[in-house]
């Protein structure tokens, strides 16, 4: 069983060389909001950084068997 289902783009903002995309990731732990910061310079991707709140995943992993 896959832990990740769908990615749903909620919003995106572009300002010059920077783009931020907010997506909701449908997982077995529920919807997890995720922000992705992309920096582009001279037509090339310089960096991609992702940010999420891991608490839904951590609480799901801490359940006892």
PDB file of N, CA and C in Angstrom:
ATOM      1  N   UNK A   1       0.842  -1.185   0.000  1.00  0.00           N
ATOM      2  CA  UNK A   1       0.000   0.000   0.000  1.00  0.00           C
ATOM      3  C   UNK A   1       0.883   1.243   0.000  1.00  0.00           C
ATOM      4  N   UNK A   2       0.583   2.169  -0.880  1.00  0.00           N
ATOM      5  CA  UNK A   2       1.346   3.410  -0.974  1.00  0.00           C
ATOM      6  C   UNK A   2       0.935   4.360   0.144  1.00  0.00           C
ATOM      7  N   UNK A   3       1.902   5.074   0.701  1.00  0.00           N
ATOM      8  CA  UNK A   3       1.595   6.036   1.752  1.00  0.00           C
ATOM      9  C   UNK A   3       1.120   7.362   1.193  1.00  0.00           C
ATOM     10  N   UNK A   4       1.416   7.646  -0.089  1.00  0.00           N
ATOM     11  CA  UNK A   4       1.030   8.906  -0.714  1.00  0.00           C
ATOM     12  C   UNK A   4       0.034   8.631  -1.821  1.00  0.00           C
ATOM     13  N   UNK A   5      -1.072   9.377  -1.807  1.00  0.00           N
ATOM     14  CA  UNK A   5      -2.091   9.246  -2.841  1.00  0.00           C
ATOM     15  C   UNK A   5      -1.957  10.337  -3.879  1.00  0.00           C
ATOM     16  N   UNK A   6      -2.612  11.467  -3.650  1.00  0.00           N
ATOM     17  CA  UNK A   6      -2.641  12.558  -4.622  1.00  0.00           C
ATOM     18  C   UNK A   6      -1.961  13.803  -4.081  1.00  0.00           C
ATOM     19  N   UNK A   7      -1.483  14.619  -5.025  1.00  0.00           N
ATOM     20  CA  UNK A   7      -0.989  15.950  -4.717  1.00  0.00           C
ATOM     21  C   UNK A   7      -2.014  16.925  -5.285  1.00  0.00           C
ATOM     22  N   UNK A   8      -2.521  17.812  -4.456  1.00  0.00           N
ATOM     23  CA  UNK A   8      -3.509  18.803  -4.909  1.00  0.00           C
ATOM     24  C   UNK A   8      -2.945  20.196  -4.679  1.00  0.00           C
ATOM     25  N   UNK A   9      -2.708  20.925  -5.789  1.00  0.00           N
ATOM     26  CA  UNK A   9      -2.158  22.273  -5.662  1.00  0.00           C
ATOM     27  C   UNK A   9      -3.228  23.192  -5.114  1.00  0.00           C
ATOM     28  N   UNK A  10      -2.924  23.855  -4.013  1.00  0.00           N
ATOM     29  CA  UNK A  10      -3.871  24.756  -3.383  1.00  0.00           C
ATOM     30  C   UNK A  10      -3.634  26.198  -3.832  1.00  0.00           C
ATOM     31  N   UNK A  11      -2.362  26.572  -4.023  1.00  0.00           N
ATOM     32  CA  UNK A  11      -2.038  27.942  -4.374  1.00  0.00           C
ATOM     33  C   UNK A  11      -0.598  28.007  -4.848  1.00  0.00           C
ATOM     34  N   UNK A  12      -0.287  29.025  -5.623  1.00  0.00           N
ATOM     35  CA  UNK A  12       1.105  29.264  -6.000  1.00  0.00           C
ATOM     36  C   UNK A  12       1.323  30.757  -6.162  1.00  0.00           C
ATOM     37  N   UNK A  13       2.525  31.203  -5.840  1.00  0.00           N
ATOM     38  CA  UNK A  13       2.895  32.610  -5.919  1.00  0.00           C
ATOM     39  C   UNK A  13       4.248  32.696  -6.603  1.00  0.00           C
ATOM     40  N   UNK A  14       4.362  33.597  -7.579  1.00  0.00           N
ATOM     41  CA  UNK A  14       5.624  33.808  -8.275  1.00  0.00           C
ATOM     42  C   UNK A  14       6.023  35.262  -8.090  1.00  0.00           C
ATOM     43  N   UNK A  15       7.271  35.475  -7.694  1.00  0.00           N
ATOM     44  CA  UNK A  15       7.802  36.825  -7.530  1.00  0.00           C
ATOM     45  C   UNK A  15       9.243  36.827  -8.022  1.00  0.00           C
ATOM     46  N   UNK A  16       9.441  37.292  -9.247  1.00  0.00           N
ATOM     47  CA  UNK A  16      10.785  37.337  -9.812  1.00  0.00           C
ATOM     48  C   UNK A  16      11.364  35.942  -9.963  1.00  0.00           C
ATOM     49  N   UNK A  17      12.466  35.689  -9.274  1.00  0.00           N
ATOM     50  CA  UNK A  17      13.163  34.406  -9.360  1.00  0.00           C
ATOM     51  C   UNK A  17      12.619  33.354  -8.400  1.00  0.00           C
ATOM     52  N   UNK A  18      11.590  33.697  -7.637  1.00  0.00           N
ATOM     53  CA  UNK A  18      11.102  32.793  -6.594  1.00  0.00           C
ATOM     54  C   UNK A  18       9.664  32.377  -6.858  1.00  0.00           C
ATOM     55  N   UNK A  19       9.385  31.113  -6.605  1.00  0.00           N
ATOM     56  CA  UNK A  19       8.033  30.565  -6.722  1.00  0.00           C
ATOM     57  C   UNK A  19       7.767  29.717  -5.481  1.00  0.00           C
ATOM     58  N   UNK A  20       6.584  29.884  -4.925  1.00  0.00           N
ATOM     59  CA  UNK A  20       6.165  29.053  -3.803  1.00  0.00           C
ATOM     60  C   UNK A  20       4.858  28.369  -4.204  1.00  0.00           C
ATOM     61  N   UNK A  21       4.840  27.071  -4.076  1.00  0.00           N
ATOM     62  CA  UNK A  21       3.640  26.289  -4.360  1.00  0.00           C
ATOM     63  C   UNK A  21       3.178  25.653  -3.060  1.00  0.00           C
ATOM     64  N   UNK A  22       1.898  25.813  -2.773  1.00  0.00           N
ATOM     65  CA  UNK A  22       1.288  25.175  -1.606  1.00  0.00           C
ATOM     66  C   UNK A  22       0.452  24.020  -2.133  1.00  0.00           C
ATOM     67  N   UNK A  23       0.742  22.826  -1.660  1.00  0.00           N
ATOM     68  CA  UNK A  23      -0.003  21.649  -2.090  1.00  0.00           C
ATOM     69  C   UNK A  23      -0.501  20.898  -0.864  1.00  0.00           C
ATOM     70  N   UNK A  24      -1.568  20.164  -1.050  1.00  0.00           N
ATOM     71  CA  UNK A  24      -2.065  19.248  -0.018  1.00  0.00           C
ATOM     72  C   UNK A  24      -1.773  17.846  -0.510  1.00  0.00           C
ATOM     73  N   UNK A  25      -1.068  17.083   0.302  1.00  0.00           N
ATOM     74  CA  UNK A  25      -0.705  15.726  -0.059  1.00  0.00           C
ATOM     75  C   UNK A  25      -1.647  14.773   0.663  1.00  0.00           C
ATOM     76  N   UNK A  26      -2.355  13.971  -0.105  1.00  0.00           N
ATOM     77  CA  UNK A  26      -3.286  12.994   0.454  1.00  0.00           C
ATOM     78  C   UNK A  26      -2.494  11.733   0.809  1.00  0.00           C
ATOM     79  N   UNK A  27      -2.377  11.450   2.094  1.00  0.00           N
ATOM     80  CA  UNK A  27      -1.594  10.307   2.557  1.00  0.00           C
ATOM     81  C   UNK A  27      -2.459   9.396   3.423  1.00  0.00           C
ATOM     82  N   UNK A  28      -1.902   8.282   3.834  1.00  0.00           N
ATOM     83  CA  UNK A  28      -2.616   7.394   4.749  1.00  0.00           C
ATOM     84  C   UNK A  28      -2.821   8.052   6.111  1.00  0.00           C
ATOM     85  N   UNK A  29      -2.084   9.142   6.374  1.00  0.00           N
ATOM     86  CA  UNK A  29      -2.210   9.881   7.623  1.00  0.00           C
ATOM     87  C   UNK A  29      -3.203  11.027   7.499  1.00  0.00           C
ATOM     88  N   UNK A  30      -3.817  11.212   6.337  1.00  0.00           N
ATOM     89  CA  UNK A  30      -4.731  12.323   6.074  1.00  0.00           C
ATOM     90  C   UNK A  30      -4.056  13.353   5.176  1.00  0.00           C
ATOM     91  N   UNK A  31      -4.728  14.486   4.978  1.00  0.00           N
ATOM     92  CA  UNK A  31      -4.159  15.553   4.153  1.00  0.00           C
ATOM     93  C   UNK A  31      -3.046  16.262   4.910  1.00  0.00           C
ATOM     94  N   UNK A  32      -1.907  16.419   4.252  1.00  0.00           N
ATOM     95  CA  UNK A  32      -0.767  17.100   4.857  1.00  0.00           C
ATOM     96  C   UNK A  32      -0.424  18.308   3.991  1.00  0.00           C
ATOM     97  N   UNK A  33      -0.521  19.540   4.546  1.00  0.00           N
ATOM     98  CA  UNK A  33      -0.134  20.712   3.784  1.00  0.00           C
ATOM     99  C   UNK A  33       1.382  20.724   3.583  1.00  0.00           C
ATOM    100  N   UNK A  34       1.811  21.100   2.387  1.00  0.00           N
ATOM    101  CA  UNK A  34       3.229  21.078   2.028  1.00  0.00           C
ATOM    102  C   UNK A  34       3.530  22.339   1.232  1.00  0.00           C
ATOM    103  N   UNK A  35       4.605  23.023   1.568  1.00  0.00           N
ATOM    104  CA  UNK A  35       5.038  24.207   0.831  1.00  0.00           C
ATOM    105  C   UNK A  35       6.356  23.893   0.146  1.00  0.00           C
ATOM    106  N   UNK A  36       6.455  24.328  -1.105  1.00  0.00           N
ATOM    107  CA  UNK A  36       7.662  24.089  -1.883  1.00  0.00           C
ATOM    108  C   UNK A  36       8.162  25.432  -2.409  1.00  0.00           C
ATOM    109  N   UNK A  37       9.402  25.786  -2.066  1.00  0.00           N
ATOM    110  CA  UNK A  37      10.015  27.036  -2.534  1.00  0.00           C
ATOM    111  C   UNK A  37      11.011  26.688  -3.630  1.00  0.00           C
ATOM    112  N   UNK A  38      10.816  27.273  -4.811  1.00  0.00           N
ATOM    113  CA  UNK A  38      11.688  27.017  -5.954  1.00  0.00           C
ATOM    114  C   UNK A  38      12.363  28.323  -6.335  1.00  0.00           C
ATOM    115  N   UNK A  39      13.691  28.305  -6.430  1.00  0.00           N
ATOM    116  CA  UNK A  39      14.462  29.478  -6.830  1.00  0.00           C
ATOM    117  C   UNK A  39      15.029  29.215  -8.220  1.00  0.00           C
ATOM    118  N   UNK A  40      14.710  30.105  -9.171  1.00  0.00           N
ATOM    119  CA  UNK A  40      15.167  29.977 -10.554  1.00  0.00           C
ATOM    120  C   UNK A  40      16.031  31.191 -10.878  1.00  0.00           C
ATOM    121  N   UNK A  41      17.187  30.958 -11.495  1.00  0.00           N
ATOM    122  CA  UNK A  41      18.069  32.037 -11.912  1.00  0.00           C
ATOM    123  C   UNK A  41      18.611  31.729 -13.298  1.00  0.00           C
ATOM    124  N   UNK A  42      18.544  32.710 -14.196  1.00  0.00           N
ATOM    125  CA  UNK A  42      19.006  32.536 -15.575  1.00  0.00           C
ATOM    126  C   UNK A  42      18.355  31.329 -16.252  1.00  0.00           C
ATOM    127  N   UNK A  43      17.089  31.097 -15.963  1.00  0.00           N
ATOM    128  CA  UNK A  43      16.354  30.008 -16.593  1.00  0.00           C
ATOM    129  C   UNK A  43      16.654  28.624 -16.048  1.00  0.00           C
ATOM    130  N   UNK A  44      17.427  28.538 -14.981  1.00  0.00           N
ATOM    131  CA  UNK A  44      17.763  27.246 -14.382  1.00  0.00           C
ATOM    132  C   UNK A  44      17.311  27.193 -12.931  1.00  0.00           C
ATOM    133  N   UNK A  45      16.864  26.021 -12.505  1.00  0.00           N
ATOM    134  CA  UNK A  45      16.480  25.835 -11.101  1.00  0.00           C
ATOM    135  C   UNK A  45      17.748  25.811 -10.252  1.00  0.00           C
ATOM    136  N   UNK A  46      17.813  26.733  -9.303  1.00  0.00           N
ATOM    137  CA  UNK A  46      18.970  26.835  -8.413  1.00  0.00           C
ATOM    138  C   UNK A  46      18.757  25.983  -7.162  1.00  0.00           C
ATOM    139  N   UNK A  47      17.532  26.042  -6.628  1.00  0.00           N
ATOM    140  CA  UNK A  47      17.253  25.250  -5.425  1.00  0.00           C
ATOM    141  C   UNK A  47      15.758  24.974  -5.311  1.00  0.00           C
ATOM    142  N   UNK A  48      15.459  23.892  -4.628  1.00  0.00           N
ATOM    143  CA  UNK A  48      14.084  23.526  -4.287  1.00  0.00           C
ATOM    144  C   UNK A  48      14.100  23.126  -2.818  1.00  0.00           C
ATOM    145  N   UNK A  49      13.238  23.757  -2.050  1.00  0.00           N
ATOM    146  CA  UNK A  49      13.127  23.429  -0.624  1.00  0.00           C
ATOM    147  C   UNK A  49      11.680  23.093  -0.304  1.00  0.00           C
ATOM    148  N   UNK A  50      11.487  22.031   0.430  1.00  0.00           N
ATOM    149  CA  UNK A  50      10.149  21.611   0.813  1.00  0.00           C
ATOM    150  C   UNK A  50       9.962  21.726   2.317  1.00  0.00           C
ATOM    151  N   UNK A  51       8.769  22.116   2.708  1.00  0.00           N
ATOM    152  CA  UNK A  51       8.439  22.292   4.118  1.00  0.00           C
ATOM    153  C   UNK A  51       7.081  21.658   4.401  1.00  0.00           C
ATOM    154  N   UNK A  52       7.012  20.885   5.479  1.00  0.00           N
ATOM    155  CA  UNK A  52       5.723  20.335   5.901  1.00  0.00           C
ATOM    156  C   UNK A  52       5.714  20.174   7.411  1.00  0.00           C
ATOM    157  N   UNK A  53       4.525  20.011   7.945  1.00  0.00           N
ATOM    158  CA  UNK A  53       4.356  19.738   9.364  1.00  0.00           C
ATOM    159  C   UNK A  53       4.325  18.219   9.525  1.00  0.00           C
ATOM    160  N   UNK A  54       5.350  17.613  10.128  1.00  0.00           N
ATOM    161  CA  UNK A  54       5.424  16.155  10.200  1.00  0.00           C
ATOM    162  C   UNK A  54       4.551  15.521  11.288  1.00  0.00           C
ATOM    163  N   UNK A  55       3.875  16.323  12.090  1.00  0.00           N
ATOM    164  CA  UNK A  55       3.126  15.756  13.220  1.00  0.00           C
ATOM    165  C   UNK A  55       2.105  14.692  12.830  1.00  0.00           C
ATOM    166  N   UNK A  56       1.326  14.859  11.731  1.00  0.00           N
ATOM    167  CA  UNK A  56       0.387  13.774  11.390  1.00  0.00           C
ATOM    168  C   UNK A  56       1.105  12.451  11.084  1.00  0.00           C
ATOM    169  N   UNK A  57       2.263  12.520  10.442  1.00  0.00           N
ATOM    170  CA  UNK A  57       3.004  11.305  10.121  1.00  0.00           C
ATOM    171  C   UNK A  57       3.632  10.696  11.369  1.00  0.00           C
ATOM    172  N   UNK A  58       4.143  11.543  12.256  1.00  0.00           N
ATOM    173  CA  UNK A  58       4.783  11.051  13.465  1.00  0.00           C
ATOM    174  C   UNK A  58       3.758  10.419  14.418  1.00  0.00           C
ATOM    175  N   UNK A  59       2.587  11.019  14.535  1.00  0.00           N
ATOM    176  CA  UNK A  59       1.585  10.431  15.428  1.00  0.00           C
ATOM    177  C   UNK A  59       1.075   9.106  14.870  1.00  0.00           C
ATOM    178  N   UNK A  60       1.020   8.963  13.546  1.00  0.00           N
ATOM    179  CA  UNK A  60       0.617   7.698  12.937  1.00  0.00           C
ATOM    180  C   UNK A  60       1.669   6.624  13.092  1.00  0.00           C
ATOM    181  N   UNK A  61       2.940   7.027  13.155  1.00  0.00           N
ATOM    182  CA  UNK A  61       4.031   6.066  13.287  1.00  0.00           C
ATOM    183  C   UNK A  61       4.211   5.614  14.722  1.00  0.00           C
ATOM    184  N   UNK A  62       3.670   6.369  15.673  1.00  0.00           N
ATOM    185  CA  UNK A  62       3.858   6.042  17.093  1.00  0.00           C
ATOM    186  C   UNK A  62       2.789   5.119  17.646  1.00  0.00           C
ATOM    187  N   UNK A  63       1.892   4.635  16.811  1.00  0.00           N
ATOM    188  CA  UNK A  63       0.858   3.731  17.321  1.00  0.00           C
ATOM    189  C   UNK A  63       1.476   2.380  17.628  1.00  0.00           C
ATOM    190  N   UNK A  64       1.056   1.783  18.716  1.00  0.00           N
ATOM    191  CA  UNK A  64       1.615   0.493  19.115  1.00  0.00           C
ATOM    192  C   UNK A  64       0.913  -0.636  18.375  1.00  0.00           C
ATOM    193  N   UNK A  65       1.653  -1.697  18.099  1.00  0.00           N
ATOM    194  CA  UNK A  65       1.115  -2.846  17.349  1.00  0.00           C
ATOM    195  C   UNK A  65       0.419  -3.837  18.254  1.00  0.00           C
TER     196      UNK A  65
END
